[in-house]
Protein backbone atom coordinates (compact mmCIF):
# COMPACT_ATOMS: atom_id res chain seq x y z
CA UNK A 1 0.00 0.00 0.00
CA UNK A 2 1.51 3.38 -0.98
CA UNK A 3 2.08 5.97 1.77
CA UNK A 4 -0.72 8.45 2.21
CA UNK A 5 -0.11 12.04 1.34
CA UNK A 6 0.76 14.20 4.33
CA UNK A 7 -0.91 17.11 2.47
CA UNK A 8 -4.37 15.73 3.30
CA UNK A 9 -3.48 15.38 6.96
CA UNK A 10 -2.01 18.89 6.97
CA UNK A 11 -5.27 20.26 5.51
CA UNK A 12 -7.26 18.65 8.32
CA UNK A 13 -5.19 20.52 10.90
CA UNK A 14 -5.06 23.82 9.01
CA UNK A 15 -7.42 26.48 10.43
CA UNK A 16 -7.11 28.43 7.17
CA UNK A 17 -7.96 25.58 4.81
CA UNK A 18 -11.27 26.38 3.03
CA UNK A 19 -13.01 23.13 3.88
CA UNK A 20 -16.65 24.21 4.28
CA UNK A 21 -19.22 25.10 1.66
CA UNK A 22 -21.51 28.03 2.27
CA UNK A 23 -24.43 25.74 3.04
CA UNK A 24 -22.45 23.65 5.51
CA UNK A 25 -20.96 26.76 7.14
CA UNK A 26 -24.40 28.34 7.56
CA UNK A 27 -25.74 25.08 9.00
CA UNK A 28 -22.87 24.82 11.49
CA UNK A 29 -23.42 28.42 12.63
CA UNK A 30 -27.19 28.13 12.73
CA UNK A 31 -27.56 31.02 10.33
CA UNK A 32 -28.37 31.63 6.68
CA UNK A 33 -26.16 31.87 3.61
CA UNK A 34 -27.36 35.50 3.34
CA UNK A 35 -25.75 36.25 6.72
CA UNK A 36 -22.42 34.86 5.47
CA UNK A 37 -22.72 36.87 2.25
CA UNK A 38 -23.39 40.00 4.35
CA UNK A 39 -20.20 39.39 6.34
CA UNK A 40 -18.35 39.23 3.03
CA UNK A 41 -20.00 42.44 1.81
CA UNK A 42 -18.82 44.18 5.00
CA UNK A 43 -15.35 42.70 4.40
CA UNK A 44 -15.20 40.89 7.72
CA UNK A 45 -14.43 37.59 6.03
CA UNK A 46 -13.48 36.86 2.44
CA UNK A 47 -14.16 33.24 1.57
CA UNK A 48 -11.99 31.53 -0.99
CA UNK A 49 -13.65 30.22 -4.12
CA UNK A 50 -13.72 26.70 -5.47
CA UNK A 51 -12.81 26.07 -9.09
CA UNK A 52 -16.54 26.31 -9.82
CA UNK A 53 -16.77 29.72 -8.11
CA UNK A 54 -18.51 28.55 -4.94
CA UNK A 55 -17.63 30.14 -1.61
CA UNK A 56 -15.52 28.00 0.74
CA UNK A 57 -14.92 28.85 4.40
CA UNK A 58 -12.16 27.92 6.81
CA UNK A 59 -12.50 27.10 10.51
CA UNK A 60 -10.88 30.44 11.33
CA UNK A 61 -13.48 32.27 9.24
CA UNK A 62 -16.26 30.30 10.90
CA UNK A 63 -15.02 31.41 14.33
CA UNK A 64 -15.14 35.03 13.18
CA UNK A 65 -18.61 34.53 11.72
CA UNK A 66 -19.76 32.91 14.98
CA UNK A 67 -18.55 35.98 16.92
CA UNK A 68 -20.44 38.24 14.48
CA UNK A 69 -23.57 36.15 14.91
CA UNK A 70 -23.24 36.40 18.70
CA UNK A 71 -23.12 40.21 18.49
CA UNK A 72 -26.00 40.39 16.01
CA UNK A 73 -28.09 38.07 18.20
CA UNK A 74 -27.50 40.54 21.07
CA UNK A 75 -29.01 43.31 18.94
CA UNK A 76 -25.89 44.85 17.40
CA UNK A 77 -26.38 45.92 13.76
CA UNK A 78 -24.28 43.80 11.40
CA UNK A 79 -22.17 46.80 10.29
CA UNK A 80 -21.31 47.61 13.91
CA UNK A 81 -20.66 43.94 14.72
CA UNK A 82 -18.14 43.72 11.88
CA UNK A 83 -16.39 46.89 13.06
CA UNK A 84 -16.29 45.65 16.68
CA UNK A 85 -14.64 42.41 15.60
CA UNK A 86 -12.03 44.26 13.53
CA UNK A 87 -11.26 46.55 16.48
CA UNK A 88 -11.05 43.57 18.87
CA UNK A 89 -8.57 41.94 16.51
CA UNK A 90 -6.48 45.11 16.25
CA UNK A 91 -6.43 45.47 20.04
CA UNK A 92 -5.34 41.86 20.47
CA UNK A 93 -2.52 42.38 17.97
CA UNK A 94 -1.36 45.58 19.70
CA UNK A 95 -1.36 43.80 23.07
CA UNK A 96 0.66 40.93 21.58
CA UNK A 97 3.23 43.37 20.18
CA UNK A 98 3.45 45.19 23.54
CA UNK A 99 4.09 41.89 25.31
CA UNK A 100 6.85 41.02 22.85
CA UNK A 101 8.47 44.40 23.38
CA UNK A 102 8.28 44.03 27.15
CA UNK A 103 9.84 40.59 26.92
CA UNK A 104 12.70 42.09 24.91
CA UNK A 105 13.12 44.84 27.50
CA UNK A 106 11.89 47.55 25.19
CA UNK A 107 8.93 49.53 26.46
CA UNK A 108 6.64 51.06 23.85
CA UNK A 109 6.70 54.84 24.04
CA UNK A 110 3.47 56.77 24.31
CA UNK A 111 3.13 59.51 21.76
CA UNK A 112 2.46 62.95 23.14
CA UNK A 113 1.01 65.90 21.33
CA UNK A 114 1.74 69.50 22.11
C-alpha atoms as a PDB file:
ATOM      1  CA  UNK A   1       0.000   0.000   0.000  1.00  0.00           C
ATOM      2  CA  UNK A   2       1.510   3.384  -0.978  1.00  0.00           C
ATOM      3  CA  UNK A   3       2.084   5.968   1.771  1.00  0.00           C
ATOM      4  CA  UNK A   4      -0.719   8.454   2.211  1.00  0.00           C
ATOM      5  CA  UNK A   5      -0.115  12.043   1.335  1.00  0.00           C
ATOM      6  CA  UNK A   6       0.757  14.203   4.328  1.00  0.00           C
ATOM      7  CA  UNK A   7      -0.912  17.111   2.467  1.00  0.00           C
ATOM      8  CA  UNK A   8      -4.365  15.728   3.296  1.00  0.00           C
ATOM      9  CA  UNK A   9      -3.479  15.379   6.959  1.00  0.00           C
ATOM     10  CA  UNK A  10      -2.010  18.891   6.970  1.00  0.00           C
ATOM     11  CA  UNK A  11      -5.272  20.259   5.512  1.00  0.00           C
ATOM     12  CA  UNK A  12      -7.262  18.655   8.317  1.00  0.00           C
ATOM     13  CA  UNK A  13      -5.192  20.523  10.902  1.00  0.00           C
ATOM     14  CA  UNK A  14      -5.058  23.819   9.007  1.00  0.00           C
ATOM     15  CA  UNK A  15      -7.417  26.484  10.430  1.00  0.00           C
ATOM     16  CA  UNK A  16      -7.111  28.432   7.173  1.00  0.00           C
ATOM     17  CA  UNK A  17      -7.957  25.581   4.805  1.00  0.00           C
ATOM     18  CA  UNK A  18     -11.268  26.383   3.035  1.00  0.00           C
ATOM     19  CA  UNK A  19     -13.012  23.132   3.876  1.00  0.00           C
ATOM     20  CA  UNK A  20     -16.649  24.208   4.284  1.00  0.00           C
ATOM     21  CA  UNK A  21     -19.218  25.100   1.658  1.00  0.00           C
ATOM     22  CA  UNK A  22     -21.511  28.035   2.274  1.00  0.00           C
ATOM     23  CA  UNK A  23     -24.431  25.742   3.039  1.00  0.00           C
ATOM     24  CA  UNK A  24     -22.454  23.655   5.510  1.00  0.00           C
ATOM     25  CA  UNK A  25     -20.956  26.763   7.142  1.00  0.00           C
ATOM     26  CA  UNK A  26     -24.402  28.338   7.558  1.00  0.00           C
ATOM     27  CA  UNK A  27     -25.735  25.080   9.003  1.00  0.00           C
ATOM     28  CA  UNK A  28     -22.870  24.818  11.488  1.00  0.00           C
ATOM     29  CA  UNK A  29     -23.417  28.421  12.633  1.00  0.00           C
ATOM     30  CA  UNK A  30     -27.189  28.126  12.730  1.00  0.00           C
ATOM     31  CA  UNK A  31     -27.561  31.024  10.332  1.00  0.00           C
ATOM     32  CA  UNK A  32     -28.366  31.629   6.683  1.00  0.00           C
ATOM     33  CA  UNK A  33     -26.159  31.874   3.614  1.00  0.00           C
ATOM     34  CA  UNK A  34     -27.361  35.497   3.338  1.00  0.00           C
ATOM     35  CA  UNK A  35     -25.747  36.250   6.716  1.00  0.00           C
ATOM     36  CA  UNK A  36     -22.417  34.860   5.466  1.00  0.00           C
ATOM     37  CA  UNK A  37     -22.724  36.872   2.252  1.00  0.00           C
ATOM     38  CA  UNK A  38     -23.387  40.004   4.350  1.00  0.00           C
ATOM     39  CA  UNK A  39     -20.198  39.389   6.335  1.00  0.00           C
ATOM     40  CA  UNK A  40     -18.354  39.230   3.026  1.00  0.00           C
ATOM     41  CA  UNK A  41     -20.002  42.442   1.814  1.00  0.00           C
ATOM     42  CA  UNK A  42     -18.823  44.178   4.995  1.00  0.00           C
ATOM     43  CA  UNK A  43     -15.349  42.698   4.395  1.00  0.00           C
ATOM     44  CA  UNK A  44     -15.202  40.894   7.716  1.00  0.00           C
ATOM     45  CA  UNK A  45     -14.425  37.591   6.031  1.00  0.00           C
ATOM     46  CA  UNK A  46     -13.481  36.858   2.437  1.00  0.00           C
ATOM     47  CA  UNK A  47     -14.156  33.242   1.565  1.00  0.00           C
ATOM     48  CA  UNK A  48     -11.989  31.528  -0.994  1.00  0.00           C
ATOM     49  CA  UNK A  49     -13.655  30.222  -4.120  1.00  0.00           C
ATOM     50  CA  UNK A  50     -13.718  26.703  -5.472  1.00  0.00           C
ATOM     51  CA  UNK A  51     -12.814  26.071  -9.094  1.00  0.00           C
ATOM     52  CA  UNK A  52     -16.539  26.310  -9.822  1.00  0.00           C
ATOM     53  CA  UNK A  53     -16.766  29.721  -8.114  1.00  0.00           C
ATOM     54  CA  UNK A  54     -18.511  28.552  -4.943  1.00  0.00           C
ATOM     55  CA  UNK A  55     -17.629  30.138  -1.610  1.00  0.00           C
ATOM     56  CA  UNK A  56     -15.520  28.002   0.737  1.00  0.00           C
ATOM     57  CA  UNK A  57     -14.919  28.854   4.400  1.00  0.00           C
ATOM     58  CA  UNK A  58     -12.156  27.917   6.815  1.00  0.00           C
ATOM     59  CA  UNK A  59     -12.497  27.103  10.509  1.00  0.00           C
ATOM     60  CA  UNK A  60     -10.880  30.440  11.329  1.00  0.00           C
ATOM     61  CA  UNK A  61     -13.483  32.274   9.237  1.00  0.00           C
ATOM     62  CA  UNK A  62     -16.258  30.296  10.901  1.00  0.00           C
ATOM     63  CA  UNK A  63     -15.017  31.412  14.331  1.00  0.00           C
ATOM     64  CA  UNK A  64     -15.138  35.033  13.178  1.00  0.00           C
ATOM     65  CA  UNK A  65     -18.613  34.526  11.717  1.00  0.00           C
ATOM     66  CA  UNK A  66     -19.763  32.912  14.982  1.00  0.00           C
ATOM     67  CA  UNK A  67     -18.548  35.979  16.919  1.00  0.00           C
ATOM     68  CA  UNK A  68     -20.442  38.239  14.484  1.00  0.00           C
ATOM     69  CA  UNK A  69     -23.569  36.155  14.912  1.00  0.00           C
ATOM     70  CA  UNK A  70     -23.236  36.402  18.698  1.00  0.00           C
ATOM     71  CA  UNK A  71     -23.118  40.207  18.488  1.00  0.00           C
ATOM     72  CA  UNK A  72     -26.003  40.389  16.012  1.00  0.00           C
ATOM     73  CA  UNK A  73     -28.087  38.069  18.204  1.00  0.00           C
ATOM     74  CA  UNK A  74     -27.502  40.537  21.067  1.00  0.00           C
ATOM     75  CA  UNK A  75     -29.011  43.313  18.942  1.00  0.00           C
ATOM     76  CA  UNK A  76     -25.893  44.846  17.397  1.00  0.00           C
ATOM     77  CA  UNK A  77     -26.375  45.920  13.760  1.00  0.00           C
ATOM     78  CA  UNK A  78     -24.277  43.805  11.403  1.00  0.00           C
ATOM     79  CA  UNK A  79     -22.171  46.805  10.286  1.00  0.00           C
ATOM     80  CA  UNK A  80     -21.313  47.606  13.906  1.00  0.00           C
ATOM     81  CA  UNK A  81     -20.659  43.935  14.724  1.00  0.00           C
ATOM     82  CA  UNK A  82     -18.136  43.724  11.885  1.00  0.00           C
ATOM     83  CA  UNK A  83     -16.391  46.892  13.063  1.00  0.00           C
ATOM     84  CA  UNK A  84     -16.292  45.655  16.679  1.00  0.00           C
ATOM     85  CA  UNK A  85     -14.640  42.410  15.600  1.00  0.00           C
ATOM     86  CA  UNK A  86     -12.035  44.263  13.529  1.00  0.00           C
ATOM     87  CA  UNK A  87     -11.257  46.550  16.483  1.00  0.00           C
ATOM     88  CA  UNK A  88     -11.047  43.575  18.873  1.00  0.00           C
ATOM     89  CA  UNK A  89      -8.573  41.936  16.510  1.00  0.00           C
ATOM     90  CA  UNK A  90      -6.476  45.110  16.252  1.00  0.00           C
ATOM     91  CA  UNK A  91      -6.434  45.468  20.040  1.00  0.00           C
ATOM     92  CA  UNK A  92      -5.344  41.857  20.471  1.00  0.00           C
ATOM     93  CA  UNK A  93      -2.522  42.377  17.971  1.00  0.00           C
ATOM     94  CA  UNK A  94      -1.361  45.577  19.700  1.00  0.00           C
ATOM     95  CA  UNK A  95      -1.359  43.801  23.068  1.00  0.00           C
ATOM     96  CA  UNK A  96       0.661  40.931  21.577  1.00  0.00           C
ATOM     97  CA  UNK A  97       3.229  43.372  20.181  1.00  0.00           C
ATOM     98  CA  UNK A  98       3.449  45.187  23.536  1.00  0.00           C
ATOM     99  CA  UNK A  99       4.086  41.892  25.307  1.00  0.00           C
ATOM    100  CA  UNK A 100       6.850  41.025  22.848  1.00  0.00           C
ATOM    101  CA  UNK A 101       8.472  44.405  23.375  1.00  0.00           C
ATOM    102  CA  UNK A 102       8.277  44.029  27.146  1.00  0.00           C
ATOM    103  CA  UNK A 103       9.843  40.594  26.923  1.00  0.00           C
ATOM    104  CA  UNK A 104      12.696  42.092  24.910  1.00  0.00           C
ATOM    105  CA  UNK A 105      13.120  44.838  27.505  1.00  0.00           C
ATOM    106  CA  UNK A 106      11.892  47.545  25.190  1.00  0.00           C
ATOM    107  CA  UNK A 107       8.934  49.528  26.456  1.00  0.00           C
ATOM    108  CA  UNK A 108       6.641  51.065  23.848  1.00  0.00           C
ATOM    109  CA  UNK A 109       6.703  54.841  24.039  1.00  0.00           C
ATOM    110  CA  UNK A 110       3.474  56.767  24.306  1.00  0.00           C
ATOM    111  CA  UNK A 111       3.130  59.514  21.759  1.00  0.00           C
ATOM    112  CA  UNK A 112       2.461  62.950  23.140  1.00  0.00           C
ATOM    113  CA  UNK A 113       1.013  65.897  21.330  1.00  0.00           C
ATOM    114  CA  UNK A 114       1.737  69.499  22.107  1.00  0.00           C
END
